[in-house]
């Protein structure tokens, strides 16, 4: 009896999941929002991101010390 109950519960978990993916044949779009890095020297790293990688610094809306944002 326990085995049958486990099988039924397992099927009940997977049936709703399959319904979620039945809406479209296309895979869901993937996006990338941001990346955070911990560094020893924030100012030196910021200089590298700006001068070598050519990133633009954006306003630190969190107003946290030692945090620099680049786009």
Protein backbone atom coordinates (compact mmCIF):
# COMPACT_ATOMS: atom_id res chain seq x y z
CA UNK A 1 0.00 0.00 0.00
CA UNK A 2 2.82 2.45 0.78
CA UNK A 3 4.39 1.85 -2.63
CA UNK A 4 1.12 2.64 -4.42
CA UNK A 5 0.69 5.82 -2.41
CA UNK A 6 4.23 6.91 -3.29
CA UNK A 7 3.62 6.27 -6.98
CA UNK A 8 0.36 8.24 -6.95
CA UNK A 9 1.96 11.17 -5.11
CA UNK A 10 4.90 11.17 -7.53
CA UNK A 11 2.56 11.23 -10.53
CA UNK A 12 0.52 14.04 -8.98
CA UNK A 13 3.71 16.10 -8.69
CA UNK A 14 4.79 15.59 -12.30
CA UNK A 15 1.42 16.03 -14.02
CA UNK A 16 1.09 19.74 -13.07
CA UNK A 17 4.71 20.34 -14.09
CA UNK A 18 4.08 18.94 -17.56
CA UNK A 19 1.07 21.24 -17.92
CA UNK A 20 3.33 24.26 -17.29
CA UNK A 21 5.47 23.42 -20.32
CA UNK A 22 2.55 22.51 -22.59
CA UNK A 23 1.70 26.16 -23.33
CA UNK A 24 4.42 26.77 -25.91
CA UNK A 25 6.97 24.84 -27.91
CA UNK A 26 9.49 27.66 -27.60
CA UNK A 27 11.94 27.52 -24.70
CA UNK A 28 11.57 30.31 -22.14
CA UNK A 29 13.86 33.30 -22.84
CA UNK A 30 17.01 33.56 -20.76
CA UNK A 31 18.20 36.92 -19.51
CA UNK A 32 21.20 38.15 -17.54
CA UNK A 33 20.65 40.92 -15.02
CA UNK A 34 23.86 41.56 -13.09
CA UNK A 35 27.02 40.16 -11.55
CA UNK A 36 28.56 41.11 -8.20
CA UNK A 37 32.23 40.66 -7.41
CA UNK A 38 34.11 41.08 -4.14
CA UNK A 39 37.50 42.70 -4.62
CA UNK A 40 40.33 43.82 -2.35
CA UNK A 41 40.74 47.30 -3.85
CA UNK A 42 37.50 48.79 -5.16
CA UNK A 43 39.10 51.90 -6.63
CA UNK A 44 41.79 49.95 -8.49
CA UNK A 45 39.18 47.53 -9.82
CA UNK A 46 36.95 50.43 -10.89
CA UNK A 47 39.89 51.95 -12.78
CA UNK A 48 40.41 48.62 -14.60
CA UNK A 49 36.72 48.29 -15.53
CA UNK A 50 36.61 51.87 -16.78
CA UNK A 51 40.00 52.18 -18.56
CA UNK A 52 40.66 48.65 -19.79
CA UNK A 53 37.22 47.16 -20.31
CA UNK A 54 35.60 50.48 -21.29
CA UNK A 55 32.65 50.13 -18.94
CA UNK A 56 30.66 53.18 -17.86
CA UNK A 57 30.20 53.81 -14.14
CA UNK A 58 26.60 54.31 -13.09
CA UNK A 59 25.11 55.86 -9.96
CA UNK A 60 25.35 53.80 -6.77
CA UNK A 61 21.67 53.84 -5.83
CA UNK A 62 22.25 51.64 -2.80
CA UNK A 63 24.51 54.33 -1.32
CA UNK A 64 26.74 51.68 0.22
CA UNK A 65 30.38 52.49 0.92
CA UNK A 66 32.81 50.44 -1.15
CA UNK A 67 30.25 49.63 -3.87
CA UNK A 68 30.74 50.78 -7.46
CA UNK A 69 28.37 49.95 -10.33
CA UNK A 70 29.29 49.69 -14.01
CA UNK A 71 27.28 49.17 -17.15
